[in-house]
Amino acid sequence: IAIFIGAYSEATPAVAWGCLLATATATLAGKCLQDSDAWRAGLYGYNGCLVGVALPVFMDDTPLMWVAIILASVISVIMTACIADILKPW
């Protein structure tokens, strides 16, 4: 809600909708990994949210940006899972 309020008050609604799209995409991609502990903790959605906020800030609002948000949020899930596996012994 805070991101929506901030984005609309700064006249950048793409940031708000990008955040929502990336969070939903990353959460669904994380669910497909079947790592229920990390999924329930919201780890994948949080990283997706960060991607969804960052890309509209640095890119123009074009269809390519929306595709990049979806792809980058899925990549963030894969990277999070890989880093978690590497760091699992510690």
PDB file of N, CA and C in Angstrom:
ATOM      1  N   ILE A   1       0.835  -1.187   0.000  1.00  0.00           N
ATOM      2  CA  ILE A   1       0.000   0.000   0.000  1.00  0.00           C
ATOM      3  C   ILE A   1       0.882   1.254   0.000  1.00  0.00           C
ATOM      4  N   ALA A   2       1.968   1.204   0.768  1.00  0.00           N
ATOM      5  CA  ALA A   2       2.864   2.357   0.830  1.00  0.00           C
ATOM      6  C   ALA A   2       3.516   2.623  -0.524  1.00  0.00           C
ATOM      7  N   ILE A   3       3.875   1.562  -1.239  1.00  0.00           N
ATOM      8  CA  ILE A   3       4.480   1.759  -2.558  1.00  0.00           C
ATOM      9  C   ILE A   3       3.474   2.381  -3.517  1.00  0.00           C
ATOM     10  N   PHE A   4       2.215   1.950  -3.465  1.00  0.00           N
ATOM     11  CA  PHE A   4       1.187   2.536  -4.317  1.00  0.00           C
ATOM     12  C   PHE A   4       0.989   4.014  -3.984  1.00  0.00           C
ATOM     13  N   ILE A   5       0.913   4.339  -2.687  1.00  0.00           N
ATOM     14  CA  ILE A   5       0.732   5.731  -2.290  1.00  0.00           C
ATOM     15  C   ILE A   5       1.923   6.579  -2.749  1.00  0.00           C
ATOM     16  N   GLY A   6       3.123   6.087  -2.521  1.00  0.00           N
ATOM     17  CA  GLY A   6       4.313   6.827  -2.929  1.00  0.00           C
ATOM     18  C   GLY A   6       4.433   6.969  -4.431  1.00  0.00           C
ATOM     19  N   ALA A   7       4.130   5.898  -5.154  1.00  0.00           N
ATOM     20  CA  ALA A   7       4.252   5.948  -6.611  1.00  0.00           C
ATOM     21  C   ALA A   7       3.231   6.900  -7.226  1.00  0.00           C
ATOM     22  N   TYR A   8       1.999   6.832  -6.753  1.00  0.00           N
ATOM     23  CA  TYR A   8       0.986   7.720  -7.314  1.00  0.00           C
ATOM     24  C   TYR A   8       1.183   9.166  -6.879  1.00  0.00           C
ATOM     25  N   SER A   9       1.726   9.395  -5.691  1.00  0.00           N
ATOM     26  CA  SER A   9       1.985  10.773  -5.279  1.00  0.00           C
ATOM     27  C   SER A   9       3.137  11.389  -6.068  1.00  0.00           C
ATOM     28  N   GLU A  10       4.038  10.562  -6.585  1.00  0.00           N
ATOM     29  CA  GLU A  10       5.140  11.038  -7.430  1.00  0.00           C
ATOM     30  C   GLU A  10       4.813  10.933  -8.916  1.00  0.00           C
ATOM     31  N   ALA A  11       3.580  10.583  -9.240  1.00  0.00           N
ATOM     32  CA  ALA A  11       3.105  10.458 -10.622  1.00  0.00           C
ATOM     33  C   ALA A  11       3.885   9.409 -11.411  1.00  0.00           C
ATOM     34  N   THR A  12       4.225   8.307 -10.738  1.00  0.00           N
ATOM     35  CA  THR A  12       4.889   7.184 -11.412  1.00  0.00           C
ATOM     36  C   THR A  12       4.120   5.894 -11.119  1.00  0.00           C
ATOM     37  N   PRO A  13       2.927   5.755 -11.693  1.00  0.00           N
ATOM     38  CA  PRO A  13       2.125   4.564 -11.398  1.00  0.00           C
ATOM     39  C   PRO A  13       2.750   3.273 -11.907  1.00  0.00           C
ATOM     40  N   ALA A  14       3.660   3.361 -12.866  1.00  0.00           N
ATOM     41  CA  ALA A  14       4.321   2.148 -13.364  1.00  0.00           C
ATOM     42  C   ALA A  14       5.120   1.468 -12.260  1.00  0.00           C
ATOM     43  N   VAL A  15       5.638   2.228 -11.316  1.00  0.00           N
ATOM     44  CA  VAL A  15       6.377   1.649 -10.192  1.00  0.00           C
ATOM     45  C   VAL A  15       5.440   0.790  -9.348  1.00  0.00           C
ATOM     46  N   ALA A  16       4.254   1.303  -9.073  1.00  0.00           N
ATOM     47  CA  ALA A  16       3.294   0.560  -8.256  1.00  0.00           C
ATOM     48  C   ALA A  16       2.845  -0.719  -8.955  1.00  0.00           C
ATOM     49  N   TRP A  17       2.471  -0.609 -10.205  1.00  0.00           N
ATOM     50  CA  TRP A  17       1.984  -1.785 -10.935  1.00  0.00           C
ATOM     51  C   TRP A  17       3.115  -2.761 -11.247  1.00  0.00           C
ATOM     52  N   GLY A  18       4.317  -2.246 -11.472  1.00  0.00           N
ATOM     53  CA  GLY A  18       5.471  -3.124 -11.668  1.00  0.00           C
ATOM     54  C   GLY A  18       5.766  -3.928 -10.419  1.00  0.00           C
ATOM     55  N   CYS A  19       5.643  -3.291  -9.266  1.00  0.00           N
ATOM     56  CA  CYS A  19       5.840  -3.974  -7.986  1.00  0.00           C
ATOM     57  C   CYS A  19       4.825  -5.100  -7.824  1.00  0.00           C
ATOM     58  N   LEU A  20       3.575  -4.803  -8.113  1.00  0.00           N
ATOM     59  CA  LEU A  20       2.525  -5.812  -7.977  1.00  0.00           C
ATOM     60  C   LEU A  20       2.723  -6.975  -8.947  1.00  0.00           C
ATOM     61  N   LEU A  21       3.045  -6.658 -10.202  1.00  0.00           N
ATOM     62  CA  LEU A  21       3.267  -7.701 -11.206  1.00  0.00           C
ATOM     63  C   LEU A  21       4.459  -8.578 -10.849  1.00  0.00           C
ATOM     64  N   ALA A  22       5.556  -7.964 -10.451  1.00  0.00           N
ATOM     65  CA  ALA A  22       6.763  -8.730 -10.135  1.00  0.00           C
ATOM     66  C   ALA A  22       6.578  -9.571  -8.879  1.00  0.00           C
ATOM     67  N   THR A  23       5.883  -9.044  -7.883  1.00  0.00           N
ATOM     68  CA  THR A  23       5.639  -9.806  -6.663  1.00  0.00           C
ATOM     69  C   THR A  23       4.797 -11.034  -6.967  1.00  0.00           C
ATOM     70  N   ALA A  24       3.743 -10.856  -7.754  1.00  0.00           N
ATOM     71  CA  ALA A  24       2.893 -11.991  -8.108  1.00  0.00           C
ATOM     72  C   ALA A  24       3.653 -13.014  -8.948  1.00  0.00           C
ATOM     73  N   THR A  25       4.428 -12.544  -9.911  1.00  0.00           N
ATOM     74  CA  THR A  25       5.189 -13.453 -10.766  1.00  0.00           C
ATOM     75  C   THR A  25       6.235 -14.229  -9.969  1.00  0.00           C
ATOM     76  N   ALA A  26       6.962 -13.537  -9.111  1.00  0.00           N
ATOM     77  CA  ALA A  26       7.995 -14.207  -8.321  1.00  0.00           C
ATOM     78  C   ALA A  26       7.380 -15.185  -7.315  1.00  0.00           C
ATOM     79  N   THR A  27       6.258 -14.826  -6.738  1.00  0.00           N
ATOM     80  CA  THR A  27       5.602 -15.727  -5.796  1.00  0.00           C
ATOM     81  C   THR A  27       5.133 -16.991  -6.496  1.00  0.00           C
ATOM     82  N   LEU A  28       4.555 -16.849  -7.676  1.00  0.00           N
ATOM     83  CA  LEU A  28       4.128 -18.033  -8.431  1.00  0.00           C
ATOM     84  C   LEU A  28       5.322 -18.875  -8.879  1.00  0.00           C
ATOM     85  N   ALA A  29       6.392 -18.225  -9.290  1.00  0.00           N
ATOM     86  CA  ALA A  29       7.593 -18.969  -9.685  1.00  0.00           C
ATOM     87  C   ALA A  29       8.200 -19.677  -8.484  1.00  0.00           C
ATOM     88  N   GLY A  30       8.195 -19.045  -7.330  1.00  0.00           N
ATOM     89  CA  GLY A  30       8.689 -19.676  -6.111  1.00  0.00           C
ATOM     90  C   GLY A  30       7.834 -20.851  -5.695  1.00  0.00           C
ATOM     91  N   LYS A  31       6.548 -20.759  -5.914  1.00  0.00           N
ATOM     92  CA  LYS A  31       5.644 -21.876  -5.610  1.00  0.00           C
ATOM     93  C   LYS A  31       5.962 -23.075  -6.495  1.00  0.00           C
ATOM     94  N   CYS A  32       6.368 -22.824  -7.714  1.00  0.00           N
ATOM     95  CA  CYS A  32       6.717 -23.916  -8.630  1.00  0.00           C
ATOM     96  C   CYS A  32       7.982 -24.651  -8.192  1.00  0.00           C
ATOM     97  N   LEU A  33       8.833 -23.994  -7.400  1.00  0.00           N
ATOM     98  CA  LEU A  33      10.058 -24.646  -6.919  1.00  0.00           C
ATOM     99  C   LEU A  33       9.787 -25.658  -5.798  1.00  0.00           C
ATOM    100  N   GLN A  34       8.613 -25.583  -5.217  1.00  0.00           N
ATOM    101  CA  GLN A  34       8.219 -26.481  -4.126  1.00  0.00           C
ATOM    102  C   GLN A  34       9.083 -26.333  -2.882  1.00  0.00           C
ATOM    103  N   ASP A  35       9.665 -25.174  -2.667  1.00  0.00           N
ATOM    104  CA  ASP A  35      10.398 -24.877  -1.442  1.00  0.00           C
ATOM    105  C   ASP A  35       9.429 -24.134  -0.527  1.00  0.00           C
ATOM    106  N   SER A  36       8.634 -24.895   0.225  1.00  0.00           N
ATOM    107  CA  SER A  36       7.510 -24.311   0.940  1.00  0.00           C
ATOM    108  C   SER A  36       7.935 -23.374   2.064  1.00  0.00           C
ATOM    109  N   ASP A  37       9.068 -23.627   2.716  1.00  0.00           N
ATOM    110  CA  ASP A  37       9.489 -22.757   3.815  1.00  0.00           C
ATOM    111  C   ASP A  37       9.817 -21.344   3.322  1.00  0.00           C
ATOM    112  N   ALA A  38      10.605 -21.261   2.287  1.00  0.00           N
ATOM    113  CA  ALA A  38      10.969 -19.950   1.738  1.00  0.00           C
ATOM    114  C   ALA A  38       9.754 -19.276   1.101  1.00  0.00           C
ATOM    115  N   TRP A  39       8.892 -20.061   0.489  1.00  0.00           N
ATOM    116  CA  TRP A  39       7.698 -19.506  -0.145  1.00  0.00           C
ATOM    117  C   TRP A  39       6.757 -18.924   0.909  1.00  0.00           C
ATOM    118  N   ARG A  40       6.551 -19.666   1.979  1.00  0.00           N
ATOM    119  CA  ARG A  40       5.671 -19.180   3.053  1.00  0.00           C
ATOM    120  C   ARG A  40       6.255 -17.967   3.765  1.00  0.00           C
ATOM    121  N   ALA A  41       7.566 -17.864   3.818  1.00  0.00           N
ATOM    122  CA  ALA A  41       8.210 -16.714   4.452  1.00  0.00           C
ATOM    123  C   ALA A  41       8.125 -15.457   3.574  1.00  0.00           C
ATOM    124  N   GLY A  42       7.714 -15.610   2.319  1.00  0.00           N
ATOM    125  CA  GLY A  42       7.600 -14.473   1.415  1.00  0.00           C
ATOM    126  C   GLY A  42       8.906 -14.026   0.815  1.00  0.00           C
ATOM    127  N   LEU A  43       9.904 -14.894   0.876  1.00  0.00           N
ATOM    128  CA  LEU A  43      11.225 -14.521   0.389  1.00  0.00           C
ATOM    129  C   LEU A  43      11.221 -14.231  -1.102  1.00  0.00           C
ATOM    130  N   TYR A  44      10.551 -15.041  -1.865  1.00  0.00           N
ATOM    131  CA  TYR A  44      10.542 -14.855  -3.310  1.00  0.00           C
ATOM    132  C   TYR A  44       9.755 -13.612  -3.714  1.00  0.00           C
ATOM    133  N   GLY A  45       8.651 -13.367  -3.070  1.00  0.00           N
ATOM    134  CA  GLY A  45       7.855 -12.189  -3.378  1.00  0.00           C
ATOM    135  C   GLY A  45       8.565 -10.899  -3.037  1.00  0.00           C
ATOM    136  N   TYR A  46       9.343 -10.914  -1.968  1.00  0.00           N
ATOM    137  CA  TYR A  46      10.077  -9.708  -1.561  1.00  0.00           C
ATOM    138  C   TYR A  46      11.112  -9.332  -2.620  1.00  0.00           C
ATOM    139  N   ASN A  47      11.879 -10.295  -3.091  1.00  0.00           N
ATOM    140  CA  ASN A  47      12.881 -10.012  -4.125  1.00  0.00           C
ATOM    141  C   ASN A  47      12.207  -9.567  -5.424  1.00  0.00           C
ATOM    142  N   GLY A  48      11.095 -10.184  -5.748  1.00  0.00           N
ATOM    143  CA  GLY A  48      10.346  -9.760  -6.927  1.00  0.00           C
ATOM    144  C   GLY A  48       9.848  -8.328  -6.795  1.00  0.00           C
ATOM    145  N   CYS A  49       9.412  -7.965  -5.601  1.00  0.00           N
ATOM    146  CA  CYS A  49       8.955  -6.597  -5.343  1.00  0.00           C
ATOM    147  C   CYS A  49      10.072  -5.597  -5.611  1.00  0.00           C
ATOM    148  N   LEU A  50      11.271  -5.916  -5.162  1.00  0.00           N
ATOM    149  CA  LEU A  50      12.402  -5.021  -5.399  1.00  0.00           C
ATOM    150  C   LEU A  50      12.701  -4.863  -6.887  1.00  0.00           C
ATOM    151  N   VAL A  51      12.593  -5.955  -7.631  1.00  0.00           N
ATOM    152  CA  VAL A  51      12.786  -5.902  -9.083  1.00  0.00           C
ATOM    153  C   VAL A  51      11.703  -5.037  -9.721  1.00  0.00           C
ATOM    154  N   GLY A  52      10.465  -5.238  -9.286  1.00  0.00           N
ATOM    155  CA  GLY A  52       9.343  -4.505  -9.864  1.00  0.00           C
ATOM    156  C   GLY A  52       9.374  -3.017  -9.579  1.00  0.00           C
ATOM    157  N   VAL A  53      10.003  -2.626  -8.495  1.00  0.00           N
ATOM    158  CA  VAL A  53      10.140  -1.206  -8.183  1.00  0.00           C
ATOM    159  C   VAL A  53      11.320  -0.604  -8.946  1.00  0.00           C
ATOM    160  N   ALA A  54      12.396  -1.350  -9.077  1.00  0.00           N
ATOM    161  CA  ALA A  54      13.614  -0.810  -9.680  1.00  0.00           C
ATOM    162  C   ALA A  54      13.497  -0.603 -11.196  1.00  0.00           C
ATOM    163  N   LEU A  55      12.963  -1.571 -11.898  1.00  0.00           N
ATOM    164  CA  LEU A  55      12.961  -1.465 -13.363  1.00  0.00           C
ATOM    165  C   LEU A  55      12.146  -0.286 -13.897  1.00  0.00           C
ATOM    166  N   PRO A  56      10.945   0.007 -13.385  1.00  0.00           N
ATOM    167  CA  PRO A  56      10.244   1.190 -13.904  1.00  0.00           C
ATOM    168  C   PRO A  56      10.950   2.509 -13.584  1.00  0.00           C
ATOM    169  N   VAL A  57      11.768   2.515 -12.551  1.00  0.00           N
ATOM    170  CA  VAL A  57      12.513   3.734 -12.233  1.00  0.00           C
ATOM    171  C   VAL A  57      13.587   3.991 -13.280  1.00  0.00           C
ATOM    172  N   PHE A  58      14.225   2.941 -13.771  1.00  0.00           N
ATOM    173  CA  PHE A  58      15.365   3.093 -14.670  1.00  0.00           C
ATOM    174  C   PHE A  58      15.040   2.870 -16.146  1.00  0.00           C
ATOM    175  N   MET A  59      13.847   2.376 -16.449  1.00  0.00           N
ATOM    176  CA  MET A  59      13.479   2.126 -17.842  1.00  0.00           C
ATOM    177  C   MET A  59      12.252   2.959 -18.207  1.00  0.00           C
ATOM    178  N   ASP A  60      12.090   3.194 -19.512  1.00  0.00           N
ATOM    179  CA  ASP A  60      10.884   3.871 -19.991  1.00  0.00           C
ATOM    180  C   ASP A  60       9.713   2.906 -19.924  1.00  0.00           C
ATOM    181  N   ASP A  61       8.527   3.448 -19.792  1.00  0.00           N
ATOM    182  CA  ASP A  61       7.311   2.632 -19.700  1.00  0.00           C
ATOM    183  C   ASP A  61       6.917   2.140 -21.096  1.00  0.00           C
ATOM    184  N   THR A  62       7.486   0.994 -21.468  1.00  0.00           N
ATOM    185  CA  THR A  62       7.209   0.371 -22.761  1.00  0.00           C
ATOM    186  C   THR A  62       6.820  -1.084 -22.522  1.00  0.00           C
ATOM    187  N   PRO A  63       6.285  -1.755 -23.523  1.00  0.00           N
ATOM    188  CA  PRO A  63       5.987  -3.182 -23.348  1.00  0.00           C
ATOM    189  C   PRO A  63       7.221  -4.009 -23.015  1.00  0.00           C
ATOM    190  N   LEU A  64       8.376  -3.595 -23.518  1.00  0.00           N
ATOM    191  CA  LEU A  64       9.617  -4.302 -23.213  1.00  0.00           C
ATOM    192  C   LEU A  64       9.931  -4.252 -21.719  1.00  0.00           C
ATOM    193  N   MET A  65       9.616  -3.137 -21.083  1.00  0.00           N
ATOM    194  CA  MET A  65       9.847  -3.029 -19.644  1.00  0.00           C
ATOM    195  C   MET A  65       9.009  -4.040 -18.882  1.00  0.00           C
ATOM    196  N   TRP A  66       7.757  -4.230 -19.277  1.00  0.00           N
ATOM    197  CA  TRP A  66       6.881  -5.169 -18.580  1.00  0.00           C
ATOM    198  C   TRP A  66       7.356  -6.605 -18.769  1.00  0.00           C
ATOM    199  N   VAL A  67       7.843  -6.915 -19.955  1.00  0.00           N
ATOM    200  CA  VAL A  67       8.425  -8.246 -20.190  1.00  0.00           C
ATOM    201  C   VAL A  67       9.683  -8.420 -19.352  1.00  0.00           C
ATOM    202  N   ALA A  68      10.489  -7.373 -19.271  1.00  0.00           N
ATOM    203  CA  ALA A  68      11.710  -7.430 -18.462  1.00  0.00           C
ATOM    204  C   ALA A  68      11.385  -7.614 -16.980  1.00  0.00           C
ATOM    205  N   ILE A  69      10.311  -7.000 -16.507  1.00  0.00           N
ATOM    206  CA  ILE A  69       9.902  -7.187 -15.112  1.00  0.00           C
ATOM    207  C   ILE A  69       9.550  -8.638 -14.847  1.00  0.00           C
ATOM    208  N   ILE A  70       8.809  -9.243 -15.751  1.00  0.00           N
ATOM    209  CA  ILE A  70       8.422 -10.644 -15.568  1.00  0.00           C
ATOM    210  C   ILE A  70       9.646 -11.548 -15.589  1.00  0.00           C
ATOM    211  N   LEU A  71      10.507 -11.367 -16.580  1.00  0.00           N
ATOM    212  CA  LEU A  71      11.700 -12.213 -16.684  1.00  0.00           C
ATOM    213  C   LEU A  71      12.653 -12.000 -15.505  1.00  0.00           C
ATOM    214  N   ALA A  72      12.864 -10.759 -15.112  1.00  0.00           N
ATOM    215  CA  ALA A  72      13.775 -10.479 -14.010  1.00  0.00           C
ATOM    216  C   ALA A  72      13.241 -10.999 -12.681  1.00  0.00           C
ATOM    217  N   SER A  73      11.936 -10.981 -12.496  1.00  0.00           N
ATOM    218  CA  SER A  73      11.390 -11.512 -11.248  1.00  0.00           C
ATOM    219  C   SER A  73      11.528 -13.024 -11.190  1.00  0.00           C
ATOM    220  N   VAL A  74      11.397 -13.698 -12.319  1.00  0.00           N
ATOM    221  CA  VAL A  74      11.631 -15.153 -12.342  1.00  0.00           C
ATOM    222  C   VAL A  74      13.110 -15.446 -12.108  1.00  0.00           C
ATOM    223  N   ILE A  75      13.986 -14.653 -12.711  1.00  0.00           N
ATOM    224  CA  ILE A  75      15.424 -14.836 -12.504  1.00  0.00           C
ATOM    225  C   ILE A  75      15.793 -14.593 -11.039  1.00  0.00           C
ATOM    226  N   SER A  76      15.121 -13.638 -10.399  1.00  0.00           N
ATOM    227  CA  SER A  76      15.406 -13.388  -8.978  1.00  0.00           C
ATOM    228  C   SER A  76      15.048 -14.592  -8.116  1.00  0.00           C
ATOM    229  N   VAL A  77      14.012 -15.324  -8.496  1.00  0.00           N
ATOM    230  CA  VAL A  77      13.643 -16.545  -7.766  1.00  0.00           C
ATOM    231  C   VAL A  77      14.716 -17.606  -7.953  1.00  0.00           C
ATOM    232  N   ILE A  78      15.175 -17.773  -9.177  1.00  0.00           N
ATOM    233  CA  ILE A  78      16.206 -18.772  -9.464  1.00  0.00           C
ATOM    234  C   ILE A  78      17.495 -18.428  -8.724  1.00  0.00           C
ATOM    235  N   MET A  79      17.876 -17.157  -8.758  1.00  0.00           N
ATOM    236  CA  MET A  79      19.097 -16.737  -8.066  1.00  0.00           C
ATOM    237  C   MET A  79      18.977 -16.910  -6.552  1.00  0.00           C
ATOM    238  N   THR A  80      17.824 -16.614  -6.002  1.00  0.00           N
ATOM    239  CA  THR A  80      17.606 -16.787  -4.565  1.00  0.00           C
ATOM    240  C   THR A  80      17.720 -18.251  -4.173  1.00  0.00           C
ATOM    241  N   ALA A  81      17.139 -19.131  -4.983  1.00  0.00           N
ATOM    242  CA  ALA A  81      17.224 -20.568  -4.697  1.00  0.00           C
ATOM    243  C   ALA A  81      18.659 -21.070  -4.809  1.00  0.00           C
ATOM    244  N   CYS A  82      19.399 -20.585  -5.801  1.00  0.00           N
ATOM    245  CA  CYS A  82      20.794 -21.005  -5.969  1.00  0.00           C
ATOM    246  C   CYS A  82      21.661 -20.528  -4.813  1.00  0.00           C
ATOM    247  N   ILE A  83      21.492 -19.288  -4.425  1.00  0.00           N
ATOM    248  CA  ILE A  83      22.281 -18.757  -3.311  1.00  0.00           C
ATOM    249  C   ILE A  83      21.926 -19.472  -2.013  1.00  0.00           C
ATOM    250  N   ALA A  84      20.656 -19.790  -1.822  1.00  0.00           N
ATOM    251  CA  ALA A  84      20.247 -20.521  -0.616  1.00  0.00           C
ATOM    252  C   ALA A  84      20.890 -21.903  -0.571  1.00  0.00           C
ATOM    253  N   ASP A  85      20.974 -22.564  -1.723  1.00  0.00           N
ATOM    254  CA  ASP A  85      21.628 -23.886  -1.762  1.00  0.00           C
ATOM    255  C   ASP A  85      23.128 -23.787  -1.478  1.00  0.00           C
ATOM    256  N   ILE A  86      23.768 -22.757  -1.995  1.00  0.00           N
ATOM    257  CA  ILE A  86      25.197 -22.572  -1.750  1.00  0.00           C
ATOM    258  C   ILE A  86      25.469 -22.289  -0.277  1.00  0.00           C
ATOM    259  N   LEU A  87      24.615 -21.488   0.340  1.00  0.00           N
ATOM    260  CA  LEU A  87      24.826 -21.075   1.715  1.00  0.00           C
ATOM    261  C   LEU A  87      24.202 -22.020   2.764  1.00  0.00           C
ATOM    262  N   LYS A  88      23.559 -23.072   2.289  1.00  0.00           N
ATOM    263  CA  LYS A  88      22.878 -23.992   3.194  1.00  0.00           C
ATOM    264  C   LYS A  88      23.802 -24.577   4.281  1.00  0.00           C
ATOM    265  N   PRO A  89      25.050 -24.936   3.990  1.00  0.00           N
ATOM    266  CA  PRO A  89      25.900 -25.480   5.055  1.00  0.00           C
ATOM    267  C   PRO A  89      26.164 -24.501   6.200  1.00  0.00           C
ATOM    268  N   TRP A  90      26.071 -23.207   5.928  1.00  0.00           N
ATOM    269  CA  TRP A  90      26.343 -22.225   6.958  1.00  0.00           C
ATOM    270  C   TRP A  90      25.075 -21.721   7.574  1.00  0.00           C
TER     271      TRP A  90
END
